Protein backbone atom coordinates (compact mmCIF):
# COMPACT_ATOMS: atom_id res chain seq x y z
CA MET A 1 19.71 30.66 -24.68
CA LYS A 2 16.66 31.92 -23.14
CA ASN A 3 14.71 29.13 -21.92
CA VAL A 4 10.74 28.96 -22.05
CA VAL A 5 8.69 26.73 -20.61
CA ILE A 6 6.03 24.99 -22.49
CA ALA A 7 2.33 23.76 -20.63
CA THR A 8 2.94 20.37 -22.00
CA LYS A 9 3.42 16.57 -21.09
CA ASN A 10 2.65 15.31 -23.96
CA ALA A 11 6.10 14.04 -25.27
CA GLY A 12 5.35 14.27 -28.83
CA LYS A 13 4.46 17.99 -28.75
CA ALA A 14 7.36 18.57 -26.61
CA LYS A 15 9.48 17.33 -29.74
CA GLU A 16 8.32 19.53 -31.97
CA PHE A 17 8.04 22.53 -29.53
CA LYS A 18 11.88 21.67 -29.23
CA ALA A 19 12.46 21.67 -32.47
CA MET A 20 10.87 24.89 -33.98
CA PHE A 21 11.95 27.35 -30.97
CA GLY A 22 15.55 26.05 -31.30
CA GLU A 23 15.62 27.08 -35.48
CA ILE A 24 14.98 31.07 -33.28
CA GLY A 25 17.47 30.53 -30.23
CA TYR A 26 15.13 29.19 -27.68
CA THR A 27 15.51 26.38 -25.00
CA VAL A 28 12.33 24.50 -24.04
CA THR A 29 11.33 23.09 -20.77
CA THR A 30 7.81 21.06 -20.42
CA LEU A 31 5.97 20.06 -17.58
CA LEU A 32 7.89 16.54 -17.88
CA ASP A 33 10.66 18.72 -16.42
CA HIS A 34 8.51 19.82 -13.58
CA PRO A 35 6.91 16.43 -12.36
CA GLU A 36 5.65 19.07 -9.14
CA MET A 37 2.85 20.69 -11.21
CA PRO A 38 -0.50 18.96 -10.95
CA ASP A 39 -2.60 18.23 -13.83
CA ILE A 40 -4.20 21.21 -15.56
CA GLU A 41 -8.46 20.33 -15.96
CA GLU A 42 -9.27 21.34 -19.10
CA THR A 43 -12.27 22.31 -18.22
CA GLY A 44 -13.36 24.86 -21.46
CA THR A 45 -15.62 24.48 -24.44
CA THR A 46 -13.41 25.43 -26.97
CA PHE A 47 -9.61 24.87 -27.87
CA ALA A 48 -8.65 28.89 -26.70
CA GLU A 49 -9.98 28.20 -23.62
CA ASN A 50 -8.49 25.23 -22.70
CA SER A 51 -4.73 26.80 -24.42
CA ALA A 52 -5.74 29.47 -22.01
CA LEU A 53 -6.41 27.64 -18.83
CA LYS A 54 -3.22 25.45 -18.89
CA ALA A 55 -1.29 28.59 -20.03
CA THR A 56 -2.08 30.58 -17.38
CA GLU A 57 -2.19 28.04 -14.15
CA THR A 58 1.18 27.24 -15.44
CA ALA A 59 2.79 30.71 -14.79
CA LYS A 60 1.14 31.27 -12.22
CA GLN A 61 2.30 28.09 -10.42
CA LEU A 62 6.10 28.26 -11.73
CA GLN A 63 6.01 31.89 -12.07
CA THR A 64 7.46 32.38 -15.22
CA ILE A 65 5.69 33.25 -18.95
CA ALA A 66 4.99 30.36 -19.88
CA ILE A 67 2.75 28.82 -23.70
CA ALA A 68 0.09 26.35 -24.26
CA ASP A 69 -1.67 24.96 -26.86
CA ASP A 70 -4.70 23.41 -26.95
CA SER A 71 -5.16 21.21 -29.79
CA GLY A 72 -7.25 18.58 -31.61
CA LEU A 73 -8.85 17.50 -34.95
CA ALA A 74 -12.53 18.22 -36.36
CA VAL A 75 -14.31 16.03 -38.26
CA VAL A 76 -16.59 17.65 -40.73
CA ALA A 77 -18.63 13.83 -41.38
CA LEU A 78 -18.82 13.79 -37.73
CA ASN A 79 -20.02 17.72 -36.28
CA GLY A 80 -16.67 18.52 -35.60
CA ALA A 81 -15.83 15.84 -33.09
CA PRO A 82 -13.59 14.86 -31.79
CA GLY A 83 -12.65 18.62 -31.41
CA VAL A 84 -11.06 19.69 -27.53
CA TYR A 85 -11.88 16.03 -26.70
CA SER A 86 -9.78 14.43 -29.36
CA ALA A 87 -6.87 13.38 -26.56
CA ARG A 88 -9.46 11.52 -24.38
CA TYR A 89 -12.45 10.60 -27.16
CA ALA A 90 -12.01 6.77 -26.43
CA GLY A 91 -11.28 7.44 -22.39
CA GLU A 92 -9.65 9.34 -20.40
CA ALA A 93 -6.36 6.88 -20.50
CA LYS A 94 -5.58 9.13 -23.15
CA ASP A 95 -4.77 6.00 -25.77
CA ASP A 96 -4.14 7.53 -29.20
CA GLN A 97 -4.01 3.77 -30.19
CA LYS A 98 -7.51 3.85 -29.36
CA ASN A 99 -8.94 7.50 -30.32
CA ARG A 100 -7.90 6.61 -34.10
CA ALA A 101 -9.79 2.60 -33.54
CA LYS A 102 -12.79 4.57 -32.51
CA LEU A 103 -12.55 7.37 -35.11
CA LEU A 104 -11.74 5.09 -38.14
CA GLN A 105 -14.65 2.84 -36.79
CA ALA A 106 -17.10 6.18 -36.54
CA LEU A 107 -16.01 6.87 -40.12
CA ALA A 108 -16.49 3.49 -41.22
CA GLU A 109 -19.48 4.34 -43.67
CA THR A 110 -18.48 7.94 -45.01
CA PRO A 111 -17.20 7.66 -48.64
CA ASP A 112 -13.67 9.06 -49.60
CA GLU A 113 -15.57 12.73 -50.51
CA GLU A 114 -16.71 13.18 -47.09
CA ARG A 115 -14.28 12.39 -44.91
CA GLN A 116 -12.80 15.47 -44.51
CA ALA A 117 -10.99 16.36 -41.03
CA ALA A 118 -8.95 19.69 -40.14
CA PHE A 119 -6.48 20.07 -37.49
CA HIS A 120 -6.59 22.91 -34.61
CA CYS A 121 -4.39 24.42 -32.32
CA VAL A 122 -4.48 27.55 -30.30
CA LEU A 123 -1.18 28.82 -28.76
CA THR A 124 -1.05 31.23 -25.81
CA VAL A 125 1.73 33.53 -24.59
CA SER A 126 0.44 34.08 -20.26
CA ASP A 127 3.05 36.38 -18.05
CA ALA A 128 4.02 35.69 -14.83
CA THR A 129 0.62 36.64 -13.09
CA GLY A 130 -1.55 34.83 -15.34
CA HIS A 131 -1.94 37.58 -17.28
CA VAL A 132 -2.55 36.07 -21.42
CA LEU A 133 -0.05 38.16 -23.61
CA LYS A 134 -1.14 36.69 -27.15
CA GLN A 135 -3.25 33.81 -28.74
CA TYR A 136 -2.03 32.47 -32.29
CA THR A 137 -4.36 30.07 -33.91
CA GLY A 138 -3.22 27.63 -36.83
CA ILE A 139 -5.55 25.12 -38.81
CA TRP A 140 -4.65 22.45 -41.08
CA ASN A 141 -6.70 20.91 -43.47
CA GLY A 142 -6.78 17.45 -45.09
CA THR A 143 -8.87 13.64 -44.69
CA ILE A 144 -9.12 10.40 -42.82
CA THR A 145 -8.00 7.80 -44.51
CA HIS A 146 -9.31 4.33 -44.05
CA GLU A 147 -6.68 2.61 -42.39
CA GLU A 148 -3.31 3.70 -40.29
CA ARG A 149 0.17 4.49 -42.61
CA GLY A 150 2.98 5.53 -41.27
CA ASP A 151 5.48 5.79 -37.59
CA ASN A 152 6.38 9.38 -37.42
CA GLY A 153 4.21 11.71 -35.19
CA PHE A 154 1.73 10.77 -32.46
CA GLY A 155 -2.50 11.15 -32.32
CA TYR A 156 -4.16 11.09 -34.98
CA ASP A 157 -1.17 11.61 -37.60
CA SER A 158 -1.44 8.06 -39.07
CA ILE A 159 -5.20 8.44 -40.47
CA PHE A 160 -4.73 12.22 -41.76
CA TYR A 161 -3.88 12.56 -44.70
CA VAL A 162 -2.03 15.72 -46.54
CA PRO A 163 -3.50 15.87 -50.25
CA SER A 164 -0.52 18.86 -50.49
CA GLU A 165 2.27 15.82 -49.71
CA GLN A 166 0.39 12.71 -50.89
CA LYS A 167 0.88 11.14 -47.81
CA THR A 168 -0.54 11.16 -44.39
CA ALA A 169 0.77 13.01 -41.28
CA ALA A 170 2.73 10.23 -40.09
CA GLU A 171 4.22 9.65 -43.19
CA LEU A 172 6.17 13.47 -43.31
CA THR A 173 9.71 14.10 -42.35
CA SER A 174 9.64 15.35 -38.99
CA GLU A 175 10.89 18.47 -40.85
CA THR A 176 8.52 18.84 -43.39
CA LYS A 177 5.73 18.48 -40.63
CA ASP A 178 6.96 21.22 -38.61
CA HIS A 179 6.60 23.65 -41.42
CA LEU A 180 3.26 22.75 -41.99
CA SER A 181 1.08 21.36 -39.23
CA HIS A 182 -1.40 23.10 -37.42
CA ARG A 183 1.24 23.83 -34.43
CA ALA A 184 3.51 25.24 -36.98
CA GLN A 185 1.29 27.34 -38.23
CA ALA A 186 0.81 29.32 -34.73
CA LEU A 187 4.24 29.32 -33.98
CA GLN A 188 5.31 30.77 -36.87
CA GLN A 189 3.46 33.43 -36.01
CA LEU A 190 4.60 33.78 -32.80
CA ALA A 191 8.01 33.65 -33.96
CA LYS A 192 7.54 35.60 -36.55
CA ASP A 193 6.52 38.40 -33.02
CA LEU A 194 9.17 37.88 -31.05
CA ARG A 195 12.26 38.68 -34.30
CA GLU A 196 9.89 41.70 -34.83
CA GLY A 197 9.82 42.42 -30.89
CA GLU A 198 5.94 42.88 -31.05
CA LEU A 199 6.63 39.78 -27.83
CA LYS A 200 9.04 39.52 -25.52
CA LEU A 201 9.29 36.54 -23.80
């Protein structure tokens, strides 16, 4: 099996990538497997910029093709916040629980009909020289609940309600989420390109 390097230290994301790439015949290693890699500063102002930064820097440092995603939650009533700052919304420590609590507090006075939100994902594929080969995007629309529900997933999943499933993302099975999510949508496009020879890893 071919191996692909994913530029993330997020165990939840790593699990999703391993499941999705396993379906198309790839094994996955992540930055958790490369502790020598320094943290890459996400200085971009868009998901696309940060995704490209992580992919190209990882590729150059490890001298291999690398894939990175940058993703986050954009809430309409908060003018798109937390957006690119989703992981650090409540502070630099990347505390999922505090992020969710801050978001629910920010929306405490917001009525149900104004709680629309969307998860965004941009995947970047970089060759070993740091040249961007392709980018893929995915958007998952939903609303923000008033309280946490569900034990699966990570990040904002337990407060992100998926109308088509009548459940939060954290109440979905991993299999269902791996077919519906913003990351799944981007990966499905990537997998299609791999199958059709439009992209070679």
